[in-house]
Protein backbone atom coordinates (compact mmCIF):
# COMPACT_ATOMS: atom_id res chain seq x y z
CA MET A 1 106.24 129.23 123.44
CA THR A 2 105.29 126.06 121.62
CA ALA A 3 108.16 124.65 119.42
CA ALA A 4 108.08 123.95 115.70
CA PRO A 5 106.94 120.70 114.41
CA ASP A 6 110.04 118.50 113.33
CA PHE A 7 110.39 118.69 109.58
CA ASP A 8 110.39 114.46 109.64
CA THR A 9 107.24 114.08 111.88
CA THR A 10 105.34 116.93 109.62
CA ALA A 11 106.31 115.03 106.48
CA ALA A 12 105.42 112.12 108.03
CA LYS A 13 102.02 113.06 108.75
CA LEU A 14 101.37 114.88 105.67
CA ARG A 15 101.92 111.78 104.14
CA GLN A 16 99.55 109.81 105.63
CA GLN A 17 96.95 112.24 105.17
CA LEU A 18 97.67 112.04 101.26
CA ALA A 19 96.83 108.27 102.13
CA ASP A 20 94.15 108.44 103.99
CA HIS A 21 92.47 111.17 101.44
CA LEU A 22 93.50 108.82 98.36
CA THR A 23 92.08 105.72 100.29
CA ALA A 24 88.79 107.74 101.03
CA GLY A 25 88.99 108.34 97.13
CA GLY A 26 88.78 104.85 96.17
CA ARG A 27 92.14 105.35 94.22
CA LEU A 28 94.70 103.67 96.98
CA ARG A 29 93.40 100.04 97.81
CA SER A 30 95.88 97.68 98.58
CA PRO A 31 98.11 97.56 101.72
CA GLY A 32 101.57 97.56 99.88
CA TRP A 33 100.75 100.86 97.84
CA ARG A 34 99.36 102.68 100.71
CA THR A 35 102.55 101.74 102.91
CA ALA A 36 104.41 103.14 100.04
CA VAL A 37 102.50 106.29 100.00
CA GLU A 38 103.27 106.63 103.78
CA ALA A 39 106.94 105.94 103.70
CA VAL A 40 107.63 107.59 100.05
CA PRO A 41 108.91 111.70 100.43
CA ARG A 42 107.35 113.17 98.06
CA HIS A 43 108.65 116.40 98.61
CA GLU A 44 111.92 114.99 97.67
CA PHE A 45 111.06 114.90 94.40
CA VAL A 46 109.75 118.45 93.98
CA SER A 47 111.86 120.18 96.26
CA ARG A 48 110.93 123.53 93.53
CA PHE A 49 108.10 124.02 91.69
CA TYR A 50 105.23 125.72 89.91
CA ARG A 51 101.62 125.52 90.38
CA GLU A 52 98.58 126.84 88.25
CA THR A 53 97.02 129.77 89.26
CA ASP A 54 93.19 130.55 89.20
CA ALA A 55 93.63 133.64 87.95
CA PRO A 56 91.61 134.40 84.74
CA GLY A 57 92.85 135.35 81.28
CA LEU A 58 96.15 133.52 80.19
CA THR A 59 97.20 130.49 81.66
CA THR A 60 99.69 131.49 84.57
CA TRP A 61 101.99 129.23 86.92
CA THR A 62 103.48 130.53 89.66
CA PRO A 63 106.78 129.27 91.47
CA VAL A 64 106.73 127.59 94.39
CA THR A 65 110.02 127.01 97.04
CA PRO A 66 110.95 126.69 100.96
CA GLU A 67 112.20 130.38 100.10
CA LEU A 68 109.34 131.92 98.48
CA VAL A 69 106.25 130.75 100.40
CA GLY A 70 108.04 129.25 103.79
CA THR A 71 109.03 125.48 104.39
CA GLU A 72 105.87 124.38 106.08
CA GLU A 73 103.52 126.13 103.47
CA TRP A 74 106.15 124.57 100.76
CA LEU A 75 105.43 121.25 102.36
CA ARG A 76 102.36 121.16 102.51
CA GLN A 77 101.72 122.05 98.64
CA ALA A 78 104.32 119.12 97.80
CA TYR A 79 101.91 116.62 99.49
CA ALA A 80 98.55 118.21 98.00
CA ASP A 81 97.08 116.05 95.56
CA ASP A 82 97.74 118.34 92.62
CA THR A 83 100.06 118.50 89.45
CA LEU A 84 103.20 119.83 90.52
CA ILE A 85 104.79 121.44 87.03
CA THR A 86 108.79 121.19 87.02
CA GLN A 87 109.73 122.09 83.39
CA PHE A 88 108.39 124.50 80.67
CA ASP A 89 109.08 123.80 77.14
CA GLY A 90 111.73 121.63 77.36
CA GLN A 91 113.98 124.74 79.17
CA GLU A 92 115.79 124.33 82.63
CA ILE A 93 113.95 127.01 85.13
CA ASP A 94 116.13 129.79 86.77
CA TRP A 95 115.50 129.12 90.17
CA ASP A 96 117.68 131.86 91.03
CA ASP A 97 115.19 134.35 89.78
CA PRO A 98 111.88 132.63 89.61
CA LYS A 99 109.04 134.25 87.87
CA PRO A 100 105.24 133.71 87.51
CA ILE A 101 105.19 131.98 83.81
CA SER A 102 102.39 132.24 81.29
CA ASN A 103 102.08 131.36 77.63
CA ALA A 104 103.95 128.19 78.16
CA HIS A 105 103.84 124.36 77.56
CA PRO A 106 104.69 122.04 80.59
CA THR A 107 107.20 119.28 79.57
CA SER A 108 107.62 117.71 83.00
CA SER A 109 105.83 117.42 86.21
CA SER A 110 105.19 115.32 89.35
CA THR A 111 101.59 113.96 88.20
CA LEU A 112 98.91 114.34 91.00
CA PRO A 113 99.28 111.54 93.47
CA SER A 114 95.47 109.90 92.72
CA LEU A 115 96.23 109.23 89.20
CA VAL A 116 99.72 107.95 90.12
CA VAL A 117 97.92 105.66 92.60
CA ARG A 118 95.21 104.86 90.70
CA MET A 119 97.61 103.61 87.66
CA LEU A 120 99.59 101.56 89.92
CA GLU A 121 97.09 99.87 91.28
CA GLU A 122 95.77 98.92 88.32
CA LEU A 123 99.25 97.96 86.95
CA GLN A 124 98.14 94.89 89.13
CA VAL A 125 101.54 93.92 90.14
CA HIS A 126 102.81 91.20 92.66
CA ASP A 127 106.32 90.48 94.58
CA GLY A 128 109.19 89.24 91.84
CA MET A 129 107.90 91.12 88.96
CA ASN A 130 110.26 93.35 86.75
CA VAL A 131 108.54 96.82 85.41
CA MET A 132 109.38 99.16 82.72
CA GLU A 133 108.59 102.83 83.49
CA ILE A 134 108.22 105.30 80.56
CA GLY A 135 108.81 109.16 81.23
CA THR A 136 110.74 109.26 84.78
CA GLY A 137 109.31 112.50 85.50
CA THR A 138 110.35 113.54 89.00
CA GLY A 139 110.99 110.04 90.30
CA TYR A 140 108.64 110.36 92.56
CA SER A 141 106.27 106.99 91.16
CA THR A 142 109.35 105.32 90.35
CA ALA A 143 110.09 105.67 93.68
CA LEU A 144 106.91 104.12 95.01
CA MET A 145 107.32 100.89 92.29
CA CYS A 146 110.75 100.62 93.87
CA HIS A 147 109.27 100.93 97.72
CA ARG A 148 106.54 98.24 96.86
CA LEU A 149 109.23 95.85 94.59
CA GLY A 150 112.61 96.57 95.32
CA ALA A 151 114.65 98.98 93.19
CA ALA A 152 116.16 96.05 91.07
CA ARG A 153 113.39 95.02 89.77
CA ILE A 154 112.41 98.54 87.87
CA THR A 155 113.91 99.96 84.94
CA SER A 156 112.75 103.61 84.31
CA ILE A 157 113.55 105.17 81.01
CA GLU A 158 113.35 109.50 80.89
CA THR A 159 114.26 111.07 77.24
CA ASP A 160 115.43 114.21 78.87
CA HIS A 161 119.04 114.59 80.26
CA ASP A 162 118.15 117.47 83.09
CA VAL A 163 115.12 115.76 84.76
CA ALA A 164 116.68 112.26 84.70
CA GLY A 165 119.96 113.79 86.65
CA ARG A 166 116.98 115.39 89.39
CA ALA A 167 115.04 111.75 89.29
CA ARG A 168 118.53 110.43 90.04
CA ALA A 169 119.77 112.63 92.31
CA ALA A 170 116.26 112.50 94.13
CA LEU A 171 115.86 108.59 93.85
CA SER A 172 119.66 108.08 95.54
CA ARG A 173 118.76 110.42 98.24
CA CYS A 174 115.61 108.20 99.14
CA GLY A 175 118.06 104.88 98.98
CA PHE A 176 116.71 103.85 95.80
CA ALA A 177 118.80 102.52 93.06
CA SER A 178 116.89 101.46 90.10
CA ARG A 179 117.95 101.42 86.88
CA LEU A 180 117.59 104.68 85.17
CA VAL A 181 117.79 104.95 81.92
CA VAL A 182 118.36 108.44 79.65
CA GLY A 183 116.53 107.85 76.19
CA ASP A 184 113.86 107.37 73.73
CA GLY A 185 111.12 105.72 75.88
CA LEU A 186 109.25 104.68 72.84
CA ALA A 187 111.74 101.90 71.80
CA GLY A 188 111.73 100.69 75.48
CA HIS A 189 114.88 98.90 77.11
CA ALA A 190 115.71 95.48 75.44
CA GLU A 191 118.73 94.98 78.15
CA GLY A 192 116.42 94.83 80.48
CA ALA A 193 113.41 92.43 78.99
CA PRO A 194 111.55 90.55 79.29
CA TYR A 195 109.16 92.52 81.49
CA ASP A 196 105.87 91.53 83.20
CA ARG A 197 104.67 94.77 83.64
CA THR A 198 104.82 98.09 81.41
CA ILE A 199 103.43 101.38 82.65
CA ALA A 200 103.66 104.74 80.73
CA THR A 201 103.46 108.57 82.26
CA CYS A 202 102.95 109.97 79.06
CA GLY A 203 100.64 109.65 76.55
CA VAL A 204 101.25 108.36 73.15
CA ARG A 205 99.48 108.26 69.86
CA HIS A 206 100.02 104.67 69.39
CA VAL A 207 101.66 101.77 71.31
CA PRO A 208 105.47 101.63 70.36
CA TYR A 209 105.54 97.72 69.18
CA ALA A 210 109.18 97.55 71.12
CA TRP A 211 106.81 97.29 74.52
CA VAL A 212 104.75 94.45 72.94
CA GLN A 213 108.01 92.84 72.07
CA GLN A 214 109.40 93.19 75.24
CA ALA A 215 106.80 92.17 77.20
CA ARG A 216 106.53 88.76 78.65
CA PRO A 217 103.60 86.80 77.31
CA GLY A 218 101.31 87.46 79.32
CA GLY A 219 102.23 90.84 80.69
CA LEU A 220 100.37 93.54 80.92
CA ILE A 221 100.89 96.99 79.30
CA LEU A 222 99.12 100.63 81.05
CA THR A 223 99.48 103.41 78.89
CA THR A 224 96.89 106.50 77.97
CA LEU A 225 96.34 106.57 74.64
CA ARG A 226 95.90 110.43 73.15
CA GLY A 227 95.86 112.39 70.12
CA TRP A 228 96.40 116.28 69.02
CA MET A 229 93.14 117.26 69.79
CA ARG A 230 92.54 115.47 73.26
CA SER A 231 93.03 112.11 75.31
CA LEU A 232 91.37 109.18 74.62
CA GLY A 233 91.91 107.31 77.82
CA LEU A 234 93.93 104.86 80.20
CA ILE A 235 94.06 101.50 78.44
CA ARG A 236 95.50 98.32 79.77
CA LEU A 237 96.45 95.63 77.24
CA THR A 238 97.11 92.14 77.99
CA VAL A 239 100.37 90.56 75.88
CA GLY A 240 99.72 87.39 73.62
CA HIS A 241 102.16 84.44 72.46
CA ASP A 242 101.36 86.01 69.08
CA GLY A 243 102.95 89.18 69.62
CA ARG A 244 99.95 90.42 69.59
CA ALA A 245 98.28 92.77 72.65
CA GLU A 246 95.04 93.46 73.35
CA GLY A 247 92.80 95.04 76.24
CA ARG A 248 90.02 98.04 76.67
CA PHE A 249 90.03 101.54 77.67
CA LEU A 250 89.92 101.77 82.39
CA THR A 251 88.41 105.25 81.83
CA GLU A 252 88.84 108.60 79.55
CA ASP A 253 89.94 110.54 82.17
CA PRO A 254 93.72 110.66 82.37
CA SER A 255 95.58 112.78 80.36
CA PHE A 256 99.36 112.80 80.69
CA MET A 257 101.82 115.17 78.70
CA ILE A 258 102.30 113.32 74.80
CA ALA A 259 105.68 111.66 74.52
CA ARG A 260 107.64 114.34 72.42
CA GLN A 261 108.54 112.03 70.26
CA GLN A 262 104.73 111.93 68.92
CA ASP A 263 103.83 115.83 69.93
CA ALA A 264 102.35 117.72 67.10
CA PRO A 265 104.34 119.63 64.59
CA ASP A 266 104.22 123.68 65.32
CA SER A 267 102.16 124.04 62.17
CA LEU A 268 98.56 123.68 62.12
CA GLY A 269 98.45 123.57 58.77
CA THR A 270 96.94 126.06 55.79
CA ILE A 271 93.90 128.17 56.74
CA PRO A 272 91.64 127.13 53.30
CA ALA A 273 90.60 130.04 51.03
CA PRO A 274 86.97 130.79 50.90
CA ASP A 275 85.76 129.06 47.98
CA GLU A 276 87.69 126.16 48.35
CA GLY A 277 86.36 122.65 49.14
CA THR A 278 82.62 121.64 49.12
CA ALA A 279 80.04 123.10 51.05
CA ARG A 280 76.86 120.95 52.37
CA GLU A 281 74.86 121.16 55.80
CA THR A 282 75.03 119.39 58.51
CA PRO A 283 73.56 118.42 61.75
CA HIS A 284 76.52 118.52 63.76
CA GLY A 285 78.43 121.56 65.33
CA PRO A 286 81.90 122.67 66.52
CA GLY A 287 80.49 121.85 70.47
CA LEU A 288 80.81 118.01 69.73
CA LEU A 289 84.85 118.35 69.22
CA THR A 290 84.85 119.18 73.15
CA GLY A 291 82.10 116.85 74.14
CA SER A 292 82.86 113.76 76.66
CA GLY A 293 81.60 110.95 74.01
CA SER A 294 81.54 113.33 71.11
CA GLY A 295 85.46 114.21 71.24
CA PHE A 296 86.59 110.93 72.14
CA LEU A 297 84.77 109.98 68.60
CA ALA A 298 86.36 112.88 66.92
CA GLN A 299 89.66 111.51 67.96
CA LEU A 300 89.43 108.22 66.69
CA ALA A 301 88.05 109.47 63.19
CA MET A 302 90.46 112.58 62.98
CA PRO A 303 93.63 111.14 64.54
CA GLY A 304 95.87 114.02 62.60
CA ALA A 305 93.59 116.59 62.88
CA ARG A 306 93.14 119.88 64.91
CA PHE A 307 90.96 122.38 65.21
CA PHE A 308 90.53 126.28 66.30
CA SER A 309 87.70 129.04 65.69
CA LEU A 310 88.66 132.37 64.33
CA PRO A 311 85.87 135.37 62.99
CA GLY A 312 85.47 136.02 59.39
CA SER A 313 85.20 139.22 57.71
CA ASN A 314 81.55 139.96 59.05
CA GLY A 315 82.42 138.51 62.45
CA THR A 316 80.71 135.17 62.46
CA ALA A 317 83.08 132.72 63.77
CA HIS A 318 84.09 129.70 61.69
CA THR A 319 85.55 126.34 63.19
CA TYR A 320 88.48 124.83 60.97
CA VAL A 321 89.62 121.53 61.87
CA LEU A 322 92.81 120.74 60.17
CA ASP A 323 94.94 117.70 58.95
CA SER A 324 98.26 119.22 57.63
CA ALA A 325 99.67 115.76 57.43
CA ASN A 326 96.65 114.18 55.81
CA GLY A 327 97.02 115.83 52.08
CA GLY A 328 96.07 119.31 54.05
CA ALA A 329 92.68 117.78 54.55
CA PHE A 330 90.20 120.16 56.03
CA ALA A 331 86.38 120.98 57.33
CA VAL A 332 85.16 124.46 58.07
CA LEU A 333 82.35 124.69 59.96
CA THR A 334 79.82 127.71 59.91
CA PRO A 335 77.06 128.81 61.76
CA THR A 336 73.88 129.12 58.94
CA GLU A 337 70.98 131.69 59.58
CA GLY A 338 68.27 129.22 60.47
CA GLY A 339 70.59 127.94 63.47
CA GLY A 340 72.25 125.25 61.84
CA TRP A 341 75.68 124.54 60.66
CA SER A 342 77.08 123.78 57.31
CA VAL A 343 80.44 122.16 56.77
CA ARG A 344 83.23 122.66 53.67
CA GLN A 345 85.35 120.03 53.04
CA GLY A 346 88.30 119.86 51.32
CA GLY A 347 92.15 119.09 50.84
CA ARG A 348 94.43 117.26 48.34
CA SER A 349 93.38 113.94 49.80
CA ARG A 350 90.55 111.96 49.38
CA VAL A 351 90.02 112.45 53.09
CA ARG A 352 87.00 114.15 54.07
CA LEU A 353 87.34 114.82 57.42
CA TRP A 354 83.65 115.95 58.74
CA ASP A 355 82.31 112.69 56.58
CA GLU A 356 84.31 110.38 58.78
CA TYR A 357 83.19 112.12 61.97
CA GLU A 358 79.78 111.66 60.93
CA ALA A 359 80.02 108.08 59.87
CA ALA A 360 81.73 107.44 63.40
CA LEU A 361 78.67 109.43 65.23
CA ALA A 362 76.36 107.21 63.37
CA LEU A 363 77.64 104.44 64.53
CA TRP A 364 78.23 105.32 67.71
CA GLY A 365 74.52 106.28 68.05
CA GLU A 366 73.21 103.11 66.78
CA ALA A 367 75.35 101.33 69.44
CA GLY A 368 73.62 103.49 72.07
CA PHE A 369 76.14 105.80 72.79
CA PRO A 370 78.33 103.37 74.73
CA ALA A 371 81.13 105.06 77.15
CA PRO A 372 84.57 105.36 76.18
CA THR A 373 84.74 102.04 78.66
CA ASP A 374 82.99 100.06 75.69
CA PHE A 375 86.04 100.46 73.33
CA GLY A 376 89.23 98.86 73.28
CA VAL A 377 92.40 98.39 71.57
CA THR A 378 94.33 95.56 69.58
CA VAL A 379 97.82 96.43 68.69
CA ALA A 380 99.43 94.01 66.36
CA PRO A 381 102.97 94.13 64.23
CA GLU A 382 101.15 95.43 61.08
CA GLN A 383 98.56 97.68 62.28
CA GLN A 384 96.90 98.71 65.62
CA SER A 385 93.05 99.70 66.12
CA VAL A 386 90.48 101.04 68.68
CA TRP A 387 87.34 99.32 67.99
CA LEU A 388 84.01 99.20 69.30
CA GLY A 389 82.05 96.21 71.55
CA SER A 390 84.77 93.55 70.74
CA PRO A 391 87.59 93.19 68.12
CA GLY A 392 85.46 92.37 65.60
CA GLY A 393 83.20 95.79 66.03
CA PRO A 394 83.50 99.22 63.88
CA SER A 395 86.67 100.10 64.50
CA TRP A 396 89.29 103.00 63.81
CA ARG A 397 93.47 102.81 62.82
CA LEU A 398 95.63 104.58 65.13
CA PRO A 399 98.30 106.66 63.31
CA ALA A 400 101.06 104.24 64.09
């Protein structure tokens, strides 16, 4: 009879396989980070978690624990290149009797390792640097940085007391005593400043200026910009001596949970009456709102808006774009008999949402429909903006 593989041996083999997978995919490029991936036991940070199922209908997550699926299968899933959910709706999970969960909002997780490692590589760290991490989460990325730079060099901030407590315990089990702060990560942590690098594992609508103030001149800030409609992408900013930070989008792919302090209000706004607003034809339908580049432009042009579709009294689907924070500005898109679209706009403010979007699309088209990596960001004390091509090019203000 063959003996069962030793737990530690199996975990070490899975870590090596994960490192091989990340290297083959071009995410893991440097020896220092590879050593960290092979050494840090991710399973210590995800002792119990939920994974999304492929079932049709409502998005559903199922629990995964050693007791439910067996130690070997739990361990295999812990080292999969997947995001593992550890909290929903800011509430703790009853692990005494975990059940599948639907119609919920994940609020804490261990992000898929390929994205974690991609960001750590883009952070461009060197020995002796001090790093501030916004969003400790499970603590896995914190542990990777502790292994690479030393725990004394890492300050990690987590807004949720329960999440922070689990991360602290897991870090302690792995022998890492980093500075773990429970508080508002958007305010940074001035006591540990200045920082050579700042990395955020949550999405933000604008870059908190405290991060710039707490950075060393020449330091880098790596974060994901996002809005209430979609993620804009990963940006890397260089902090100057003049109190400004500037840089470009590295990719539009990453989509982290938005920082709780900047999350959208529960109410989408008020659906306008059928006779409210001014109508006209438009060459652009609602499909552009979910397109790759066109969706990026929609988030820039309408930063406070969200959209959804509902059938009208005659069964025709209407797409509502509502901005409850901007004087109730709205745009309603309706298909026409000729196969085109009409838009009806209004609201208490002078802003006409679809006009703003069409103007952004026109600028984008004149520039040859560039990718998000051709856009950049400037963060200054008085305002923040995303620009196309160069800082002097067409720009859109972020909702700072």
